[in-house]
């Protein structure tokens, strides 16, 4: 009976230590998650503000590229019509 009690006490001590360790890991993980969330919020804010600064420039480039592609397709179409006739 004494042997069983000693084994149970050791197991209980081990389990208590394991619970403490897991609780500490949980608290550390919560802190890490909060830090990551703050970092994500700050980085996305910076990204959005930079994108807005360049938005007008990018829109102008898109319109220019659309016009250029349109001219090239019309030119190709006209060239194919000339070759066909």
Protein backbone atom coordinates (compact mmCIF):
# COMPACT_ATOMS: atom_id res chain seq x y z
CA UNK A 1 0.00 0.00 0.00
CA UNK A 2 2.85 2.41 0.82
CA UNK A 3 4.46 1.71 -2.56
CA UNK A 4 1.23 2.56 -4.34
CA UNK A 5 0.88 5.79 -2.34
CA UNK A 6 4.43 6.81 -3.24
CA UNK A 7 3.82 6.15 -6.93
CA UNK A 8 0.59 8.13 -6.83
CA UNK A 9 2.32 11.03 -5.06
CA UNK A 10 5.08 11.09 -7.68
CA UNK A 11 2.53 10.94 -10.47
CA UNK A 12 0.53 13.71 -8.83
CA UNK A 13 3.66 15.89 -8.47
CA UNK A 14 4.59 15.26 -12.08
CA UNK A 15 1.07 16.13 -13.24
CA UNK A 16 1.02 19.31 -11.16
CA UNK A 17 4.36 20.38 -12.64
CA UNK A 18 3.13 19.54 -16.12
CA UNK A 19 -0.03 21.62 -15.59
CA UNK A 20 2.09 24.59 -14.42
CA UNK A 21 4.33 24.26 -17.47
CA UNK A 22 1.34 24.10 -19.82
CA UNK A 23 -0.27 27.11 -18.16
CA UNK A 24 2.95 29.10 -18.65
CA UNK A 25 3.12 28.03 -22.30
CA UNK A 26 -0.50 29.06 -22.75
CA UNK A 27 0.16 32.52 -21.31
CA UNK A 28 3.24 32.90 -23.53
CA UNK A 29 1.22 31.82 -26.56
CA UNK A 30 -1.50 34.34 -25.74
CA UNK A 31 1.10 37.10 -25.50
CA UNK A 32 2.66 36.03 -28.81
CA UNK A 33 -0.76 36.02 -30.47
CA UNK A 34 -1.55 39.51 -29.20
CA UNK A 35 1.81 40.76 -30.47
CA UNK A 36 1.22 39.18 -33.88
CA UNK A 37 -2.25 40.71 -34.10
CA UNK A 38 -0.81 44.15 -33.33
CA UNK A 39 1.92 43.67 -35.89
CA UNK A 40 -0.60 42.57 -38.53
CA UNK A 41 -2.86 45.55 -37.85
CA UNK A 42 0.05 47.98 -38.06
CA UNK A 43 1.52 46.43 -41.20
CA UNK A 44 -1.80 46.34 -43.04
CA UNK A 45 -2.41 49.98 -42.10
CA UNK A 46 0.98 50.97 -43.51
CA UNK A 47 0.39 48.94 -46.65
CA UNK A 48 -3.03 50.50 -47.25
CA UNK A 49 -1.75 54.04 -46.79
CA UNK A 50 1.10 53.46 -49.25
CA UNK A 51 -1.27 51.90 -51.77
CA UNK A 52 -3.56 54.92 -51.53
CA UNK A 53 -0.65 57.27 -52.20
CA UNK A 54 0.08 55.46 -55.48
CA UNK A 55 -3.52 54.77 -56.44
CA UNK A 56 -3.90 57.62 -58.91
CA UNK A 57 -0.57 56.83 -60.57
CA UNK A 58 -1.52 53.18 -60.90
CA UNK A 59 -4.92 54.02 -62.36
CA UNK A 60 -3.24 56.21 -64.99
CA UNK A 61 -0.86 53.40 -65.89
CA UNK A 62 -3.75 50.95 -66.20
CA UNK A 63 -5.63 53.29 -68.56
CA UNK A 64 -2.47 53.82 -70.63
CA UNK A 65 -1.90 50.07 -70.91
CA UNK A 66 -5.52 49.43 -71.88
CA UNK A 67 -5.29 52.04 -74.66
CA UNK A 68 -1.99 50.58 -75.88
CA UNK A 69 -3.36 47.03 -75.98
CA UNK A 70 -6.49 48.28 -77.75
CA UNK A 71 -4.38 50.00 -80.43
CA UNK A 72 -2.24 46.90 -80.88
CA UNK A 73 -5.28 44.62 -81.28
CA UNK A 74 -6.89 46.97 -83.79
CA UNK A 75 -3.60 47.21 -85.66
CA UNK A 76 -3.30 43.43 -85.80
CA UNK A 77 -6.89 43.10 -86.94
CA UNK A 78 -6.36 45.71 -89.69
CA UNK A 79 -3.14 44.00 -90.76
CA UNK A 80 -4.90 40.62 -91.01
CA UNK A 81 -7.70 42.23 -93.08
CA UNK A 82 -5.15 43.70 -95.49
CA UNK A 83 -3.42 40.34 -95.83
CA UNK A 84 -6.74 38.58 -96.42
CA UNK A 85 -7.68 40.93 -99.25
